[in-house]
C-alpha atoms as a PDB file:
ATOM      1  CA  MET A   1     -12.548  -5.240 -13.016  1.00  0.00           C
ATOM      2  CA  SER A   2      -9.559  -4.427 -15.070  1.00  0.00           C
ATOM      3  CA  GLU A   3      -7.014  -6.704 -16.373  1.00  0.00           C
ATOM      4  CA  GLU A   4      -4.343  -4.376 -14.767  1.00  0.00           C
ATOM      5  CA  MET A   5      -5.993  -5.051 -11.103  1.00  0.00           C
ATOM      6  CA  ILE A   6      -6.201  -8.735 -11.768  1.00  0.00           C
ATOM      7  CA  ARG A   7      -2.515  -8.945 -12.694  1.00  0.00           C
ATOM      8  CA  GLN A   8      -1.597  -6.877  -9.687  1.00  0.00           C
ATOM      9  CA  ASN A   9      -3.272  -9.132  -7.306  1.00  0.00           C
ATOM     10  CA  ASP A  10      -1.733 -12.253  -8.931  1.00  0.00           C
ATOM     11  CA  SER A  11       1.677 -10.623  -8.454  1.00  0.00           C
ATOM     12  CA  SER A  12       1.169  -9.615  -4.909  1.00  0.00           C
ATOM     13  CA  LYS A  13       3.959 -10.289  -2.466  1.00  0.00           C
ATOM     14  CA  SER A  14       2.000 -12.346  -0.066  1.00  0.00           C
ATOM     15  CA  GLU A  15       3.114 -16.094  -0.203  1.00  0.00           C
ATOM     16  CA  PRO A  16       0.506 -18.746  -0.355  1.00  0.00           C
ATOM     17  CA  LEU A  17       0.557 -21.171   2.557  1.00  0.00           C
ATOM     18  CA  THR A  18       1.221 -24.031   0.290  1.00  0.00           C
ATOM     19  CA  SER A  19       4.515 -22.424  -0.870  1.00  0.00           C
ATOM     20  CA  GLY A  20       6.697 -24.017   2.130  1.00  0.00           C
ATOM     21  CA  LYS A  21       7.464 -20.391   3.132  1.00  0.00           C
ATOM     22  CA  LEU A  22       6.177 -20.927   6.457  1.00  0.00           C
ATOM     23  CA  LYS A  23       7.000 -23.903   8.633  1.00  0.00           C
ATOM     24  CA  ASP A  24       4.343 -25.790  10.405  1.00  0.00           C
ATOM     25  CA  VAL A  25       5.601 -24.557  13.762  1.00  0.00           C
ATOM     26  CA  GLU A  26       5.302 -20.835  12.513  1.00  0.00           C
ATOM     27  CA  LEU A  27       1.621 -21.599  11.181  1.00  0.00           C
ATOM     28  CA  ARG A  28       0.688 -23.128  14.517  1.00  0.00           C
ATOM     29  CA  LEU A  29       2.359 -20.352  16.498  1.00  0.00           C
ATOM     30  CA  ILE A  30       0.195 -17.746  14.290  1.00  0.00           C
ATOM     31  CA  SER A  31      -2.756 -19.892  14.926  1.00  0.00           C
ATOM     32  CA  GLU A  32      -2.285 -19.834  18.593  1.00  0.00           C
ATOM     33  CA  LEU A  33      -1.756 -15.842  18.607  1.00  0.00           C
ATOM     34  CA  MET A  34      -4.785 -15.530  16.657  1.00  0.00           C
ATOM     35  CA  LYS A  35      -6.844 -17.362  19.205  1.00  0.00           C
ATOM     36  CA  ASN A  36      -5.279 -15.414  21.960  1.00  0.00           C
ATOM     37  CA  SER A  37      -2.412 -13.055  21.802  1.00  0.00           C
ATOM     38  CA  ARG A  38      -2.254 -12.090  25.283  1.00  0.00           C
ATOM     39  CA  ARG A  39      -0.596 -15.587  26.322  1.00  0.00           C
ATOM     40  CA  SER A  40       3.110 -15.473  27.274  1.00  0.00           C
ATOM     41  CA  ASP A  41       5.712 -16.963  25.176  1.00  0.00           C
ATOM     42  CA  ARG A  42       5.891 -19.826  27.858  1.00  0.00           C
ATOM     43  CA  GLU A  43       2.074 -20.648  27.378  1.00  0.00           C
ATOM     44  CA  LEU A  44       2.410 -20.465  23.673  1.00  0.00           C
ATOM     45  CA  ALA A  45       5.268 -23.001  23.793  1.00  0.00           C
ATOM     46  CA  ARG A  46       3.436 -25.387  26.181  1.00  0.00           C
ATOM     47  CA  ALA A  47       0.529 -25.306  23.427  1.00  0.00           C
ATOM     48  CA  ILE A  48       2.716 -25.935  20.415  1.00  0.00           C
ATOM     49  CA  GLY A  49       5.248 -28.241  22.033  1.00  0.00           C
ATOM     50  CA  ILE A  50       8.274 -26.252  21.571  1.00  0.00           C
ATOM     51  CA  SER A  51      10.767 -24.401  23.849  1.00  0.00           C
ATOM     52  CA  GLN A  52       9.954 -20.727  24.980  1.00  0.00           C
ATOM     53  CA  PRO A  53      13.143 -19.256  23.383  1.00  0.00           C
ATOM     54  CA  THR A  54      12.185 -20.851  20.050  1.00  0.00           C
ATOM     55  CA  VAL A  55       8.737 -19.155  20.520  1.00  0.00           C
ATOM     56  CA  SER A  56      10.262 -16.022  21.230  1.00  0.00           C
ATOM     57  CA  ARG A  57      12.746 -16.137  18.370  1.00  0.00           C
ATOM     58  CA  THR A  58       9.970 -17.085  15.883  1.00  0.00           C
ATOM     59  CA  ILE A  59       7.475 -14.471  17.072  1.00  0.00           C
ATOM     60  CA  ARG A  60      10.334 -11.725  16.351  1.00  0.00           C
ATOM     61  CA  LYS A  61      11.130 -13.403  12.964  1.00  0.00           C
ATOM     62  CA  LEU A  62       7.216 -13.353  11.936  1.00  0.00           C
ATOM     63  CA  GLU A  63       7.077  -9.792  13.266  1.00  0.00           C
ATOM     64  CA  LYS A  64      10.149  -8.675  11.192  1.00  0.00           C
ATOM     65  CA  LYS A  65       8.898 -10.434   7.995  1.00  0.00           C
ATOM     66  CA  GLY A  66       5.425  -8.987   8.459  1.00  0.00           C
ATOM     67  CA  TYR A  67       3.434 -11.936   9.081  1.00  0.00           C
ATOM     68  CA  ILE A  68       2.249 -10.345  12.414  1.00  0.00           C
ATOM     69  CA  LYS A  69       1.238  -6.839  11.938  1.00  0.00           C
ATOM     70  CA  GLU A  70      -0.138  -6.122  15.493  1.00  0.00           C
ATOM     71  CA  TYR A  71      -1.520  -7.629  18.574  1.00  0.00           C
ATOM     72  CA  THR A  72      -5.203  -6.445  19.338  1.00  0.00           C
ATOM     73  CA  MET A  73      -8.370  -7.942  20.625  1.00  0.00           C
ATOM     74  CA  ILE A  74     -11.980  -7.935  19.235  1.00  0.00           C
ATOM     75  CA  PRO A  75     -14.529  -5.917  21.171  1.00  0.00           C
ATOM     76  CA  ASP A  76     -18.130  -6.028  21.320  1.00  0.00           C
ATOM     77  CA  PHE A  77     -19.057  -3.187  18.965  1.00  0.00           C
ATOM     78  CA  SER A  78     -22.464  -2.629  20.125  1.00  0.00           C
ATOM     79  CA  LYS A  79     -21.436  -2.330  23.892  1.00  0.00           C
ATOM     80  CA  LEU A  80     -19.007   0.622  22.728  1.00  0.00           C
ATOM     81  CA  GLY A  81     -22.092   2.384  21.123  1.00  0.00           C
ATOM     82  CA  PHE A  82     -21.772   1.249  17.644  1.00  0.00           C
ATOM     83  CA  GLY A  83     -25.208   0.088  16.130  1.00  0.00           C
ATOM     84  CA  ILE A  84     -24.335  -0.465  12.482  1.00  0.00           C
ATOM     85  CA  LEU A  85     -21.514  -2.387  10.526  1.00  0.00           C
ATOM     86  CA  ALA A  86     -21.392  -1.101   6.975  1.00  0.00           C
ATOM     87  CA  ILE A  87     -19.813  -3.033   3.914  1.00  0.00           C
ATOM     88  CA  THR A  88     -19.912  -0.329   1.289  1.00  0.00           C
ATOM     89  CA  LEU A  89     -18.778  -0.944  -2.378  1.00  0.00           C
ATOM     90  CA  LEU A  90     -17.503   1.729  -4.370  1.00  0.00           C
ATOM     91  CA  ARG A  91     -16.588   1.814  -8.432  1.00  0.00           C
ATOM     92  CA  ARG A  92     -13.941   3.919  -9.829  1.00  0.00           C
ATOM     93  CA  PRO A  93     -14.445   6.014 -13.035  1.00  0.00           C
ATOM     94  CA  LYS A  94     -13.498   3.996 -15.883  1.00  0.00           C
ATOM     95  CA  ASP A  95     -10.821   6.713 -16.714  1.00  0.00           C
ATOM     96  CA  VAL A  96      -9.020   6.414 -13.453  1.00  0.00           C
ATOM     97  CA  SER A  97      -6.111   4.009 -13.537  1.00  0.00           C
ATOM     98  CA  ALA A  98      -5.149   1.833 -10.457  1.00  0.00           C
ATOM     99  CA  VAL A  99      -2.207   4.079  -9.774  1.00  0.00           C
ATOM    100  CA  GLU A 100      -4.532   6.964  -9.612  1.00  0.00           C
ATOM    101  CA  LEU A 101      -6.923   4.976  -7.564  1.00  0.00           C
ATOM    102  CA  ASP A 102      -4.081   4.473  -5.015  1.00  0.00           C
ATOM    103  CA  LYS A 103      -3.359   8.269  -4.795  1.00  0.00           C
ATOM    104  CA  PHE A 104      -7.298   8.633  -4.313  1.00  0.00           C
ATOM    105  CA  MET A 105      -7.113   6.081  -1.523  1.00  0.00           C
ATOM    106  CA  VAL A 106      -4.374   7.836   0.300  1.00  0.00           C
ATOM    107  CA  MET A 107      -6.120  11.212  -0.241  1.00  0.00           C
ATOM    108  CA  GLY A 108      -9.443   9.489   1.110  1.00  0.00           C
ATOM    109  CA  GLN A 109      -7.571   8.271   4.218  1.00  0.00           C
ATOM    110  CA  GLU A 110      -6.502  11.714   4.922  1.00  0.00           C
ATOM    111  CA  ILE A 111     -10.179  13.057   4.460  1.00  0.00           C
ATOM    112  CA  ALA A 112     -11.433  10.184   6.365  1.00  0.00           C
ATOM    113  CA  ARG A 113      -8.970  10.878   9.334  1.00  0.00           C
ATOM    114  CA  LYS A 114      -9.939  14.741   9.145  1.00  0.00           C
ATOM    115  CA  LYS A 115     -13.421  14.136   9.432  1.00  0.00           C
ATOM    116  CA  GLY A 116     -13.340  11.263  12.024  1.00  0.00           C
ATOM    117  CA  MET A 117     -14.686   8.476   9.804  1.00  0.00           C
ATOM    118  CA  LYS A 118     -14.650   5.074  11.701  1.00  0.00           C
ATOM    119  CA  SER A 119     -13.787   2.783   8.846  1.00  0.00           C
ATOM    120  CA  ILE A 120     -12.250  -0.422   9.688  1.00  0.00           C
ATOM    121  CA  LEU A 121     -10.983  -1.484   6.374  1.00  0.00           C
ATOM    122  CA  ALA A 122     -10.673   0.384   2.924  1.00  0.00           C
ATOM    123  CA  LEU A 123      -9.057  -1.937  -0.019  1.00  0.00           C
ATOM    124  CA  ARG A 124      -9.104  -2.306  -3.551  1.00  0.00           C
ATOM    125  CA  GLY A 125     -10.790  -5.443  -4.713  1.00  0.00           C
ATOM    126  CA  ILE A 126     -12.514  -7.215  -7.634  1.00  0.00           C
ATOM    127  CA  GLY A 127     -16.138  -8.230  -7.956  1.00  0.00           C
ATOM    128  CA  LEU A 128     -19.646  -7.147  -8.773  1.00  0.00           C
ATOM    129  CA  GLY A 129     -18.348  -4.545 -10.779  1.00  0.00           C
ATOM    130  CA  TYR A 130     -16.682  -2.489  -7.929  1.00  0.00           C
ATOM    131  CA  ASP A 131     -13.262  -1.542  -7.236  1.00  0.00           C
ATOM    132  CA  VAL A 132     -13.093  -0.666  -3.417  1.00  0.00           C
ATOM    133  CA  ALA A 133     -14.551  -2.296  -0.265  1.00  0.00           C
ATOM    134  CA  VAL A 134     -14.881  -0.092   2.764  1.00  0.00           C
ATOM    135  CA  ILE A 135     -16.059  -1.753   5.973  1.00  0.00           C
ATOM    136  CA  SER A 136     -16.917   0.712   8.949  1.00  0.00           C
ATOM    137  CA  ALA A 137     -18.624   1.036  12.124  1.00  0.00           C
ATOM    138  CA  HIS A 138     -21.256   3.613  13.103  1.00  0.00           C
ATOM    139  CA  GLU A 139     -23.268   4.877  16.191  1.00  0.00           C
ATOM    140  CA  ASP A 140     -26.438   4.913  14.148  1.00  0.00           C
ATOM    141  CA  TYR A 141     -27.758   5.529  10.567  1.00  0.00           C
ATOM    142  CA  SER A 142     -26.884   9.407  10.368  1.00  0.00           C
ATOM    143  CA  SER A 143     -23.590   8.525  11.313  1.00  0.00           C
ATOM    144  CA  TYR A 144     -23.404   6.139   8.483  1.00  0.00           C
ATOM    145  CA  LEU A 145     -24.871   8.708   6.267  1.00  0.00           C
ATOM    146  CA  GLU A 146     -22.266  11.256   7.162  1.00  0.00           C
ATOM    147  CA  MET A 147     -19.624   8.741   5.985  1.00  0.00           C
ATOM    148  CA  ILE A 148     -21.362   8.077   2.639  1.00  0.00           C
ATOM    149  CA  ASN A 149     -21.625  11.910   2.181  1.00  0.00           C
ATOM    150  CA  GLY A 150     -17.795  12.187   2.926  1.00  0.00           C
ATOM    151  CA  ILE A 151     -17.195   9.447   0.480  1.00  0.00           C
ATOM    152  CA  LYS A 152     -18.852  11.409  -2.185  1.00  0.00           C
ATOM    153  CA  GLU A 153     -16.514  14.198  -1.644  1.00  0.00           C
ATOM    154  CA  PHE A 154     -13.393  11.910  -2.295  1.00  0.00           C
ATOM    155  CA  PRO A 155     -11.808  13.024  -5.616  1.00  0.00           C
ATOM    156  CA  GLY A 156     -12.773  10.588  -8.338  1.00  0.00           C
ATOM    157  CA  SER A 157     -15.772   9.288  -6.401  1.00  0.00           C
ATOM    158  CA  ASP A 158     -18.539   7.922  -8.521  1.00  0.00           C
ATOM    159  CA  ALA A 159     -21.437   8.771  -6.289  1.00  0.00           C
ATOM    160  CA  GLU A 160     -23.863   7.256  -8.239  1.00  0.00           C
ATOM    161  CA  SER A 161     -22.311   3.691  -7.836  1.00  0.00           C
ATOM    162  CA  ILE A 162     -22.142   3.560  -4.042  1.00  0.00           C
ATOM    163  CA  GLN A 163     -23.783   0.477  -2.687  1.00  0.00           C
ATOM    164  CA  SER A 164     -23.930  -0.613   1.006  1.00  0.00           C
ATOM    165  CA  PHE A 165     -24.848  -3.695   3.137  1.00  0.00           C
ATOM    166  CA  LEU A 166     -25.735  -2.605   6.626  1.00  0.00           C
ATOM    167  CA  ILE A 167     -25.738  -4.974   9.592  1.00  0.00           C
ATOM    168  CA  ASN A 168     -27.567  -4.126  12.884  1.00  0.00           C
ATOM    169  CA  LEU A 169     -24.906  -4.947  15.574  1.00  0.00           C
ATOM    170  CA  ARG A 170     -27.656  -4.906  18.253  1.00  0.00           C
ATOM    171  CA  ASP A 171     -29.668  -7.773  16.514  1.00  0.00           C
ATOM    172  CA  ALA A 172     -30.093 -10.603  18.845  1.00  0.00           C
ATOM    173  CA  VAL A 173     -29.590 -13.131  16.270  1.00  0.00           C
ATOM    174  CA  GLN A 174     -26.193 -13.289  14.978  1.00  0.00           C
ATOM    175  CA  TYR A 175     -25.022 -16.547  12.968  1.00  0.00           C
ATOM    176  CA  ARG A 176     -21.496 -16.164  13.787  1.00  0.00           C
ATOM    177  CA  ALA A 177     -19.807 -13.345  15.785  1.00  0.00           C
ATOM    178  CA  LEU A 178     -16.638 -11.814  14.336  1.00  0.00           C
ATOM    179  CA  THR A 179     -13.611 -14.000  15.525  1.00  0.00           C
ATOM    180  CA  LEU A 180     -10.463 -15.160  14.219  1.00  0.00           C
ATOM    181  CA  SER A 181     -10.812 -18.633  15.903  1.00  0.00           C
ATOM    182  CA  TYR A 182     -12.096 -20.154  12.885  1.00  0.00           C
ATOM    183  CA  LEU A 183      -9.446 -19.094  10.775  1.00  0.00           C
ATOM    184  CA  ALA A 184      -6.820 -20.062  13.390  1.00  0.00           C
ATOM    185  CA  GLY A 185      -8.377 -23.516  13.270  1.00  0.00           C
ATOM    186  CA  TYR A 186      -7.728 -23.694   9.495  1.00  0.00           C
ATOM    187  CA  LEU A 187      -4.103 -22.672  10.035  1.00  0.00           C
ATOM    188  CA  LYS A 188      -3.545 -25.334  12.652  1.00  0.00           C
ATOM    189  CA  GLU A 189      -5.162 -27.911  10.543  1.00  0.00           C
ATOM    190  CA  LYS A 190      -2.810 -26.615   7.532  1.00  0.00           C
ATOM    191  CA  ALA A 191       0.214 -26.952   9.626  1.00  0.00           C
ATOM    192  CA  ALA A 192      -0.810 -30.465  10.797  1.00  0.00           C
ATOM    193  CA  GLY A 193      -1.200 -31.458   7.296  1.00  0.00           C
ATOM    194  CA  ALA A 194       2.106 -29.793   6.054  1.00  0.00           C
ATOM    195  CA  LYS A 195       4.348 -32.235   7.934  1.00  0.00           C
ATOM    196  CA  PRO A 196       6.634 -34.306   5.967  1.00  0.00           C
END
């Protein structure tokens, strides 16, 4: 990975949890919302031990500052007809800068939208000699291959360096299903430890 990419990651606008930017109440509220975002402000207030108006104000503040991006749920992908979850790693050509890669990512999003590709996440990254990771859900293997062929059409794509790890979503054995509860528990512990 290029030094430029590492510098960009180091200078990101995200704030570490230990920076003191988020109060323990805010961390606890985020933790509770991650476990179940359907609860009312009153239920959240009871769970955290603060007033309902404080919960409402804090949520609006966290939304405005971008800590809360959306409220959603996690479906059972296999029941929705998806059989494969793919983690695909891509390498940009050496002569493409990080700025050009960003442009390619925007163009790629448009191509993906037009072709109906089902990517869940596509981000730049660092590791294993790759620059981009794409996580996508597919009905079957041929649907996955359509996405790979679509990626090969992206401007600047290095078709020879595409690697994927495929997960059978219909496998009876799952070590840990997708959930935010574990991360929510970590944030709750972090909040408890952050108290003066």
